[in-house]
């Protein structure tokens, strides 16, 4: 028991820069208190004392603002930062070394009994306000961005943002190595978001804009070739398409202003 308590305190030091002393963590962190209360209520649930387990769970919610169903299964070194508004459903399963922020819901999408809540692997971070719904699997090391709504399974090491949740980064060797190096440097990904995570919608639109620019150039060449062949149809010049791109970061704007190359070349 004391080893688990020591693990709980140590994981807070590792993931919360605001933590100062063990005494402060033991006495003022509602996420720690909610996990401790759940361990007792989960044991009562396993002893078929379900009413008593639910009463204890409700008391814990009253004092911490965190609702964890007694039947939910939590791994080791599980940390709920801030905590207010977190809801973890009955059939939810959470792996080791996971982090949840305030307002997270691990909920169900149907009323039938059985498995209806998500399963989180190890080292998963779920950002503030995110909703992970249904009997889906979130792979090891995945990151769920703040306020994302995830209704489909997420592969290991991936990052998901938006409503509905979209994959912004598929794991591969290079990305995995970069994430490991970053994790070692900063310790954790606050709120499930990385600084260089691209916007999937902006990326898709930018790809279409690049395609339109290429098509416009080809059409212009075709028109010039037809004129040389003597076609005398009215071929008024189309309005010039100025270079345009959806930018989501200040660095993108600065790069665009200082870089004469096209957006296609920059992304390549």
C-alpha atoms as a PDB file:
ATOM      1  CA  UNK A   1       0.000   0.000   0.000  1.00  0.00           C
ATOM      2  CA  UNK A   2       2.743   2.464   0.919  1.00  0.00           C
ATOM      3  CA  UNK A   3       4.550   1.699  -2.331  1.00  0.00           C
ATOM      4  CA  UNK A   4       1.435   2.681  -4.289  1.00  0.00           C
ATOM      5  CA  UNK A   5       1.103   5.891  -2.262  1.00  0.00           C
ATOM      6  CA  UNK A   6       4.734   6.733  -3.008  1.00  0.00           C
ATOM      7  CA  UNK A   7       4.116   6.107  -6.711  1.00  0.00           C
ATOM      8  CA  UNK A   8       1.073   8.379  -6.637  1.00  0.00           C
ATOM      9  CA  UNK A   9       3.041  11.244  -5.118  1.00  0.00           C
ATOM     10  CA  UNK A  10       6.037  10.771  -7.385  1.00  0.00           C
ATOM     11  CA  UNK A  11       3.941  10.812 -10.566  1.00  0.00           C
ATOM     12  CA  UNK A  12       2.501  14.178  -9.526  1.00  0.00           C
ATOM     13  CA  UNK A  13       6.019  15.614  -9.151  1.00  0.00           C
ATOM     14  CA  UNK A  14       6.870  14.322 -12.617  1.00  0.00           C
ATOM     15  CA  UNK A  15       3.789  15.741 -14.379  1.00  0.00           C
ATOM     16  CA  UNK A  16       2.848  18.900 -12.470  1.00  0.00           C
ATOM     17  CA  UNK A  17       5.487  21.660 -12.281  1.00  0.00           C
ATOM     18  CA  UNK A  18       3.344  23.417  -9.647  1.00  0.00           C
ATOM     19  CA  UNK A  19       3.818  20.592  -7.124  1.00  0.00           C
ATOM     20  CA  UNK A  20       6.185  21.648  -4.336  1.00  0.00           C
ATOM     21  CA  UNK A  21       6.080  19.197  -1.437  1.00  0.00           C
ATOM     22  CA  UNK A  22       4.718  15.727  -0.751  1.00  0.00           C
ATOM     23  CA  UNK A  23       2.596  17.118   2.077  1.00  0.00           C
ATOM     24  CA  UNK A  24       0.981  19.609  -0.283  1.00  0.00           C
ATOM     25  CA  UNK A  25       0.176  16.825  -2.757  1.00  0.00           C
ATOM     26  CA  UNK A  26      -1.267  14.544  -0.098  1.00  0.00           C
ATOM     27  CA  UNK A  27      -3.517  17.235   1.328  1.00  0.00           C
ATOM     28  CA  UNK A  28      -4.574  19.474  -1.571  1.00  0.00           C
ATOM     29  CA  UNK A  29      -4.689  17.454  -4.802  1.00  0.00           C
ATOM     30  CA  UNK A  30      -8.266  16.278  -5.550  1.00  0.00           C
ATOM     31  CA  UNK A  31      -7.063  13.965  -8.321  1.00  0.00           C
ATOM     32  CA  UNK A  32      -5.054  11.977  -5.778  1.00  0.00           C
ATOM     33  CA  UNK A  33      -7.966  11.866  -3.328  1.00  0.00           C
ATOM     34  CA  UNK A  34     -10.355  10.663  -6.052  1.00  0.00           C
ATOM     35  CA  UNK A  35      -8.010   7.821  -7.022  1.00  0.00           C
ATOM     36  CA  UNK A  36      -7.615   6.739  -3.397  1.00  0.00           C
ATOM     37  CA  UNK A  37     -11.379   6.765  -2.851  1.00  0.00           C
ATOM     38  CA  UNK A  38     -11.856   4.753  -6.029  1.00  0.00           C
ATOM     39  CA  UNK A  39      -9.461   2.043  -4.856  1.00  0.00           C
ATOM     40  CA  UNK A  40     -11.617   1.516  -1.804  1.00  0.00           C
ATOM     41  CA  UNK A  41     -14.911   1.704  -3.678  1.00  0.00           C
ATOM     42  CA  UNK A  42     -13.573  -0.663  -6.357  1.00  0.00           C
ATOM     43  CA  UNK A  43     -12.677  -3.185  -3.675  1.00  0.00           C
ATOM     44  CA  UNK A  44     -16.163  -2.878  -2.171  1.00  0.00           C
ATOM     45  CA  UNK A  45     -17.661  -3.374  -5.620  1.00  0.00           C
ATOM     46  CA  UNK A  46     -15.636  -6.554  -6.038  1.00  0.00           C
ATOM     47  CA  UNK A  47     -16.946  -7.777  -2.679  1.00  0.00           C
ATOM     48  CA  UNK A  48     -20.508  -7.337  -4.021  1.00  0.00           C
ATOM     49  CA  UNK A  49     -21.132  -4.399  -1.694  1.00  0.00           C
ATOM     50  CA  UNK A  50     -22.271  -2.351  -4.649  1.00  0.00           C
ATOM     51  CA  UNK A  51     -24.567   0.088  -2.835  1.00  0.00           C
ATOM     52  CA  UNK A  52     -21.839   0.989  -0.362  1.00  0.00           C
ATOM     53  CA  UNK A  53     -19.358   1.346  -3.205  1.00  0.00           C
ATOM     54  CA  UNK A  54     -21.685   3.789  -5.009  1.00  0.00           C
ATOM     55  CA  UNK A  55     -22.205   5.802  -1.831  1.00  0.00           C
ATOM     56  CA  UNK A  56     -18.459   6.153  -1.365  1.00  0.00           C
ATOM     57  CA  UNK A  57     -18.064   7.097  -5.029  1.00  0.00           C
ATOM     58  CA  UNK A  58     -20.708   9.818  -4.662  1.00  0.00           C
ATOM     59  CA  UNK A  59     -19.018  11.177  -1.545  1.00  0.00           C
ATOM     60  CA  UNK A  60     -15.730  11.338  -3.409  1.00  0.00           C
ATOM     61  CA  UNK A  61     -17.434  13.221  -6.240  1.00  0.00           C
ATOM     62  CA  UNK A  62     -18.928  15.661  -3.725  1.00  0.00           C
ATOM     63  CA  UNK A  63     -15.523  16.509  -2.251  1.00  0.00           C
ATOM     64  CA  UNK A  64     -13.338  16.312  -5.377  1.00  0.00           C
ATOM     65  CA  UNK A  65     -15.596  17.089  -8.344  1.00  0.00           C
ATOM     66  CA  UNK A  66     -14.396  13.860  -9.980  1.00  0.00           C
ATOM     67  CA  UNK A  67     -16.795  10.999 -10.733  1.00  0.00           C
ATOM     68  CA  UNK A  68     -15.287   7.540 -11.125  1.00  0.00           C
ATOM     69  CA  UNK A  69     -17.607   4.554 -11.258  1.00  0.00           C
ATOM     70  CA  UNK A  70     -16.557   1.891  -8.733  1.00  0.00           C
ATOM     71  CA  UNK A  71     -16.390  -0.745 -11.474  1.00  0.00           C
ATOM     72  CA  UNK A  72     -13.909   1.200 -13.610  1.00  0.00           C
ATOM     73  CA  UNK A  73     -10.387  -0.215 -13.707  1.00  0.00           C
ATOM     74  CA  UNK A  74      -7.455   2.145 -13.199  1.00  0.00           C
ATOM     75  CA  UNK A  75      -3.781   1.417 -13.782  1.00  0.00           C
ATOM     76  CA  UNK A  76      -0.786   2.445 -11.718  1.00  0.00           C
ATOM     77  CA  UNK A  77       0.551   5.990 -11.572  1.00  0.00           C
ATOM     78  CA  UNK A  78      -2.718   7.368 -12.913  1.00  0.00           C
ATOM     79  CA  UNK A  79      -2.890  11.153 -12.478  1.00  0.00           C
ATOM     80  CA  UNK A  80      -5.891  13.484 -12.781  1.00  0.00           C
ATOM     81  CA  UNK A  81      -4.667  17.070 -12.955  1.00  0.00           C
ATOM     82  CA  UNK A  82      -7.051  19.775 -11.663  1.00  0.00           C
ATOM     83  CA  UNK A  83      -9.818  17.204 -11.921  1.00  0.00           C
ATOM     84  CA  UNK A  84     -13.060  19.169 -11.770  1.00  0.00           C
ATOM     85  CA  UNK A  85     -15.679  17.671 -14.065  1.00  0.00           C
ATOM     86  CA  UNK A  86     -13.882  14.417 -14.888  1.00  0.00           C
ATOM     87  CA  UNK A  87     -16.269  11.481 -15.492  1.00  0.00           C
ATOM     88  CA  UNK A  88     -15.069   7.883 -15.879  1.00  0.00           C
ATOM     89  CA  UNK A  89     -17.739   5.328 -16.754  1.00  0.00           C
ATOM     90  CA  UNK A  90     -18.440   1.875 -15.423  1.00  0.00           C
ATOM     91  CA  UNK A  91     -16.683  -0.245 -18.063  1.00  0.00           C
ATOM     92  CA  UNK A  92     -13.776   2.133 -18.681  1.00  0.00           C
ATOM     93  CA  UNK A  93     -10.260   0.711 -18.430  1.00  0.00           C
ATOM     94  CA  UNK A  94      -7.204   2.936 -17.958  1.00  0.00           C
ATOM     95  CA  UNK A  95      -3.640   1.698 -18.333  1.00  0.00           C
ATOM     96  CA  UNK A  96      -0.500   2.648 -16.436  1.00  0.00           C
ATOM     97  CA  UNK A  97       1.043   6.147 -16.422  1.00  0.00           C
ATOM     98  CA  UNK A  98      -2.003   7.866 -17.933  1.00  0.00           C
ATOM     99  CA  UNK A  99      -2.908  11.524 -17.389  1.00  0.00           C
ATOM    100  CA  UNK A 100      -6.347  13.144 -17.563  1.00  0.00           C
ATOM    101  CA  UNK A 101      -7.102  16.848 -17.267  1.00  0.00           C
ATOM    102  CA  UNK A 102     -10.213  18.614 -16.036  1.00  0.00           C
ATOM    103  CA  UNK A 103     -13.481  18.163 -17.889  1.00  0.00           C
ATOM    104  CA  UNK A 104     -12.562  14.835 -19.486  1.00  0.00           C
ATOM    105  CA  UNK A 105     -15.343  12.311 -20.077  1.00  0.00           C
ATOM    106  CA  UNK A 106     -14.731   8.622 -20.693  1.00  0.00           C
ATOM    107  CA  UNK A 107     -18.335   7.877 -21.556  1.00  0.00           C
ATOM    108  CA  UNK A 108     -20.639   5.474 -23.338  1.00  0.00           C
ATOM    109  CA  UNK A 109     -22.711   5.834 -26.496  1.00  0.00           C
ATOM    110  CA  UNK A 110     -25.437   3.255 -25.892  1.00  0.00           C
ATOM    111  CA  UNK A 111     -27.821   2.107 -23.190  1.00  0.00           C
ATOM    112  CA  UNK A 112     -27.283  -1.640 -23.538  1.00  0.00           C
ATOM    113  CA  UNK A 113     -25.339  -3.408 -20.823  1.00  0.00           C
ATOM    114  CA  UNK A 114     -21.859  -4.709 -21.510  1.00  0.00           C
ATOM    115  CA  UNK A 115     -18.671  -2.990 -22.601  1.00  0.00           C
ATOM    116  CA  UNK A 116     -19.655   0.563 -23.576  1.00  0.00           C
ATOM    117  CA  UNK A 117     -16.778   2.785 -22.382  1.00  0.00           C
ATOM    118  CA  UNK A 118     -13.282   3.326 -23.791  1.00  0.00           C
ATOM    119  CA  UNK A 119     -10.086   1.466 -22.985  1.00  0.00           C
ATOM    120  CA  UNK A 120      -6.933   3.558 -22.633  1.00  0.00           C
ATOM    121  CA  UNK A 121      -3.513   1.988 -23.089  1.00  0.00           C
ATOM    122  CA  UNK A 122      -0.378   2.993 -21.205  1.00  0.00           C
ATOM    123  CA  UNK A 123       1.067   6.534 -21.258  1.00  0.00           C
ATOM    124  CA  UNK A 124      -2.069   8.126 -22.718  1.00  0.00           C
ATOM    125  CA  UNK A 125      -2.702  11.858 -22.211  1.00  0.00           C
ATOM    126  CA  UNK A 126      -6.246  13.215 -22.539  1.00  0.00           C
ATOM    127  CA  UNK A 127      -6.464  17.003 -22.685  1.00  0.00           C
ATOM    128  CA  UNK A 128      -8.901  19.265 -20.852  1.00  0.00           C
ATOM    129  CA  UNK A 129     -12.518  18.971 -21.927  1.00  0.00           C
ATOM    130  CA  UNK A 130     -11.968  16.023 -24.269  1.00  0.00           C
ATOM    131  CA  UNK A 131     -14.729  13.440 -24.694  1.00  0.00           C
ATOM    132  CA  UNK A 132     -13.730   9.858 -25.452  1.00  0.00           C
ATOM    133  CA  UNK A 133     -16.925   7.952 -26.137  1.00  0.00           C
ATOM    134  CA  UNK A 134     -17.881   4.353 -26.762  1.00  0.00           C
ATOM    135  CA  UNK A 135     -16.142   0.967 -26.482  1.00  0.00           C
ATOM    136  CA  UNK A 136     -13.068   2.094 -28.402  1.00  0.00           C
ATOM    137  CA  UNK A 137      -9.362   1.493 -27.849  1.00  0.00           C
ATOM    138  CA  UNK A 138      -6.854   4.304 -27.372  1.00  0.00           C
ATOM    139  CA  UNK A 139      -3.388   2.954 -28.120  1.00  0.00           C
ATOM    140  CA  UNK A 140      -0.291   3.263 -25.943  1.00  0.00           C
ATOM    141  CA  UNK A 141       1.268   6.719 -25.981  1.00  0.00           C
ATOM    142  CA  UNK A 142      -1.667   8.368 -27.761  1.00  0.00           C
ATOM    143  CA  UNK A 143      -2.492  12.057 -27.195  1.00  0.00           C
ATOM    144  CA  UNK A 144      -6.049  13.416 -27.206  1.00  0.00           C
ATOM    145  CA  UNK A 145      -6.118  17.193 -27.645  1.00  0.00           C
ATOM    146  CA  UNK A 146      -8.197  19.510 -25.488  1.00  0.00           C
ATOM    147  CA  UNK A 147     -11.943  19.554 -26.299  1.00  0.00           C
ATOM    148  CA  UNK A 148     -11.610  16.804 -28.898  1.00  0.00           C
ATOM    149  CA  UNK A 149     -14.534  14.391 -29.342  1.00  0.00           C
ATOM    150  CA  UNK A 150     -13.200  10.914 -30.076  1.00  0.00           C
ATOM    151  CA  UNK A 151     -15.608   8.173 -31.174  1.00  0.00           C
ATOM    152  CA  UNK A 152     -13.208   5.904 -33.087  1.00  0.00           C
ATOM    153  CA  UNK A 153     -10.214   3.884 -31.939  1.00  0.00           C
ATOM    154  CA  UNK A 154      -6.835   5.635 -31.979  1.00  0.00           C
ATOM    155  CA  UNK A 155      -3.591   3.842 -32.915  1.00  0.00           C
ATOM    156  CA  UNK A 156      -0.629   3.808 -30.562  1.00  0.00           C
ATOM    157  CA  UNK A 157       1.463   6.963 -30.573  1.00  0.00           C
ATOM    158  CA  UNK A 158      -1.052   9.019 -32.556  1.00  0.00           C
ATOM    159  CA  UNK A 159      -2.372  12.514 -31.793  1.00  0.00           C
ATOM    160  CA  UNK A 160      -6.062  13.377 -32.195  1.00  0.00           C
ATOM    161  CA  UNK A 161      -7.663  16.833 -32.233  1.00  0.00           C
ATOM    162  CA  UNK A 162     -10.946  18.424 -33.267  1.00  0.00           C
ATOM    163  CA  UNK A 163     -14.657  17.620 -33.404  1.00  0.00           C
ATOM    164  CA  UNK A 164     -15.016  14.910 -34.461  1.00  0.00           C
ATOM    165  CA  UNK A 165     -11.519  13.774 -33.573  1.00  0.00           C
ATOM    166  CA  UNK A 166      -9.064  13.655 -36.466  1.00  0.00           C
ATOM    167  CA  UNK A 167      -5.625  12.088 -36.582  1.00  0.00           C
ATOM    168  CA  UNK A 168      -3.059  14.828 -37.110  1.00  0.00           C
ATOM    169  CA  UNK A 169      -0.010  12.617 -36.847  1.00  0.00           C
ATOM    170  CA  UNK A 170       0.315   8.971 -37.748  1.00  0.00           C
ATOM    171  CA  UNK A 171       3.096   7.185 -35.900  1.00  0.00           C
ATOM    172  CA  UNK A 172       6.223   6.212 -37.793  1.00  0.00           C
ATOM    173  CA  UNK A 173       9.836   5.738 -36.869  1.00  0.00           C
ATOM    174  CA  UNK A 174      10.883   9.376 -37.284  1.00  0.00           C
ATOM    175  CA  UNK A 175       7.901  10.778 -35.413  1.00  0.00           C
ATOM    176  CA  UNK A 176       8.191   8.197 -32.685  1.00  0.00           C
ATOM    177  CA  UNK A 177      11.834   9.063 -32.101  1.00  0.00           C
ATOM    178  CA  UNK A 178      11.041  12.770 -32.018  1.00  0.00           C
ATOM    179  CA  UNK A 179       8.197  12.262 -29.516  1.00  0.00           C
ATOM    180  CA  UNK A 180      10.399  10.133 -27.270  1.00  0.00           C
ATOM    181  CA  UNK A 181      13.112  12.809 -27.305  1.00  0.00           C
ATOM    182  CA  UNK A 182      10.597  15.558 -26.564  1.00  0.00           C
ATOM    183  CA  UNK A 183       8.987  13.577 -23.767  1.00  0.00           C
ATOM    184  CA  UNK A 184      12.355  13.058 -22.140  1.00  0.00           C
ATOM    185  CA  UNK A 185      13.087  16.773 -22.403  1.00  0.00           C
ATOM    186  CA  UNK A 186       9.832  18.235 -21.042  1.00  0.00           C
ATOM    187  CA  UNK A 187       8.491  15.286 -19.069  1.00  0.00           C
ATOM    188  CA  UNK A 188       4.942  15.235 -20.479  1.00  0.00           C
ATOM    189  CA  UNK A 189       2.624  16.752 -23.091  1.00  0.00           C
ATOM    190  CA  UNK A 190       0.423  19.247 -21.295  1.00  0.00           C
ATOM    191  CA  UNK A 191      -3.246  18.968 -22.282  1.00  0.00           C
ATOM    192  CA  UNK A 192      -2.451  16.352 -24.901  1.00  0.00           C
ATOM    193  CA  UNK A 193      -1.143  18.907 -27.408  1.00  0.00           C
ATOM    194  CA  UNK A 194       2.287  19.264 -28.980  1.00  0.00           C
ATOM    195  CA  UNK A 195       3.585  22.610 -30.242  1.00  0.00           C
ATOM    196  CA  UNK A 196       4.147  21.395 -33.775  1.00  0.00           C
ATOM    197  CA  UNK A 197       0.886  19.468 -34.183  1.00  0.00           C
ATOM    198  CA  UNK A 198      -0.552  20.453 -37.590  1.00  0.00           C
ATOM    199  CA  UNK A 199      -4.164  21.443 -38.201  1.00  0.00           C
ATOM    200  CA  UNK A 200      -5.635  18.603 -40.319  1.00  0.00           C
ATOM    201  CA  UNK A 201      -8.356  20.803 -41.875  1.00  0.00           C
ATOM    202  CA  UNK A 202      -5.906  23.545 -42.811  1.00  0.00           C
ATOM    203  CA  UNK A 203      -3.531  20.947 -44.242  1.00  0.00           C
ATOM    204  CA  UNK A 204      -6.288  19.444 -46.430  1.00  0.00           C
ATOM    205  CA  UNK A 205      -7.363  22.865 -47.729  1.00  0.00           C
ATOM    206  CA  UNK A 206      -3.764  23.866 -48.406  1.00  0.00           C
ATOM    207  CA  UNK A 207      -3.274  20.692 -50.457  1.00  0.00           C
ATOM    208  CA  UNK A 208      -6.342  21.590 -52.537  1.00  0.00           C
ATOM    209  CA  UNK A 209      -5.033  25.143 -53.025  1.00  0.00           C
ATOM    210  CA  UNK A 210      -1.714  23.758 -54.224  1.00  0.00           C
ATOM    211  CA  UNK A 211      -3.579  21.520 -56.659  1.00  0.00           C
ATOM    212  CA  UNK A 212      -5.621  24.471 -57.967  1.00  0.00           C
ATOM    213  CA  UNK A 213      -2.477  26.493 -58.599  1.00  0.00           C
ATOM    214  CA  UNK A 214      -0.963  23.677 -60.653  1.00  0.00           C
ATOM    215  CA  UNK A 215      -4.225  23.192 -62.607  1.00  0.00           C
ATOM    216  CA  UNK A 216      -4.407  26.947 -63.298  1.00  0.00           C
ATOM    217  CA  UNK A 217      -0.895  26.950 -64.731  1.00  0.00           C
ATOM    218  CA  UNK A 218      -1.622  23.950 -66.932  1.00  0.00           C
ATOM    219  CA  UNK A 219      -4.854  25.508 -68.197  1.00  0.00           C
ATOM    220  CA  UNK A 220      -2.968  28.704 -69.086  1.00  0.00           C
ATOM    221  CA  UNK A 221      -0.421  26.714 -71.078  1.00  0.00           C
ATOM    222  CA  UNK A 222      -3.229  24.874 -72.923  1.00  0.00           C
ATOM    223  CA  UNK A 223      -4.906  28.176 -73.832  1.00  0.00           C
ATOM    224  CA  UNK A 224      -1.648  29.577 -75.189  1.00  0.00           C
ATOM    225  CA  UNK A 225      -1.099  26.423 -77.255  1.00  0.00           C
ATOM    226  CA  UNK A 226      -4.614  26.665 -78.738  1.00  0.00           C
ATOM    227  CA  UNK A 227      -4.010  30.319 -79.684  1.00  0.00           C
ATOM    228  CA  UNK A 228      -0.839  29.331 -81.529  1.00  0.00           C
ATOM    229  CA  UNK A 229      -2.888  26.769 -83.465  1.00  0.00           C
ATOM    230  CA  UNK A 230      -5.188  29.552 -84.661  1.00  0.00           C
ATOM    231  CA  UNK A 231      -8.188  29.065 -82.397  1.00  0.00           C
ATOM    232  CA  UNK A 232      -9.871  32.479 -82.406  1.00  0.00           C
ATOM    233  CA  UNK A 233     -12.352  31.902 -79.571  1.00  0.00           C
ATOM    234  CA  UNK A 234     -12.519  34.582 -76.899  1.00  0.00           C
ATOM    235  CA  UNK A 235     -10.075  33.439 -74.230  1.00  0.00           C
ATOM    236  CA  UNK A 236     -10.082  36.193 -71.683  1.00  0.00           C
ATOM    237  CA  UNK A 237      -7.365  35.863 -69.124  1.00  0.00           C
ATOM    238  CA  UNK A 238      -8.537  34.522 -65.817  1.00  0.00           C
ATOM    239  CA  UNK A 239      -7.928  36.596 -62.689  1.00  0.00           C
ATOM    240  CA  UNK A 240      -4.512  35.898 -61.258  1.00  0.00           C
ATOM    241  CA  UNK A 241      -4.500  33.591 -58.285  1.00  0.00           C
ATOM    242  CA  UNK A 242      -2.307  35.187 -55.685  1.00  0.00           C
ATOM    243  CA  UNK A 243      -0.477  32.804 -53.424  1.00  0.00           C
ATOM    244  CA  UNK A 244      -2.787  32.001 -50.540  1.00  0.00           C
ATOM    245  CA  UNK A 245      -2.550  29.564 -47.694  1.00  0.00           C
ATOM    246  CA  UNK A 246      -4.280  28.893 -44.399  1.00  0.00           C
ATOM    247  CA  UNK A 247      -1.813  29.500 -41.603  1.00  0.00           C
ATOM    248  CA  UNK A 248      -2.359  28.413 -38.027  1.00  0.00           C
ATOM    249  CA  UNK A 249       0.835  29.611 -36.340  1.00  0.00           C
ATOM    250  CA  UNK A 250       2.750  32.890 -36.149  1.00  0.00           C
ATOM    251  CA  UNK A 251       5.830  31.076 -37.413  1.00  0.00           C
ATOM    252  CA  UNK A 252       3.966  30.187 -40.620  1.00  0.00           C
ATOM    253  CA  UNK A 253       3.140  33.839 -41.279  1.00  0.00           C
ATOM    254  CA  UNK A 254       6.729  34.943 -40.648  1.00  0.00           C
ATOM    255  CA  UNK A 255       8.035  32.164 -42.882  1.00  0.00           C
ATOM    256  CA  UNK A 256       5.635  33.117 -45.684  1.00  0.00           C
ATOM    257  CA  UNK A 257       6.605  36.809 -45.548  1.00  0.00           C
ATOM    258  CA  UNK A 258      10.316  36.035 -45.676  1.00  0.00           C
ATOM    259  CA  UNK A 259      10.323  33.105 -48.116  1.00  0.00           C
ATOM    260  CA  UNK A 260       9.941  33.787 -51.861  1.00  0.00           C
ATOM    261  CA  UNK A 261       9.440  30.101 -52.626  1.00  0.00           C
ATOM    262  CA  UNK A 262       5.979  28.692 -53.166  1.00  0.00           C
ATOM    263  CA  UNK A 263       3.962  26.983 -50.459  1.00  0.00           C
ATOM    264  CA  UNK A 264       4.321  23.700 -52.321  1.00  0.00           C
ATOM    265  CA  UNK A 265       8.104  23.860 -52.189  1.00  0.00           C
ATOM    266  CA  UNK A 266       8.063  24.845 -48.524  1.00  0.00           C
ATOM    267  CA  UNK A 267       5.938  21.887 -47.534  1.00  0.00           C
ATOM    268  CA  UNK A 268       8.092  19.506 -49.549  1.00  0.00           C
END
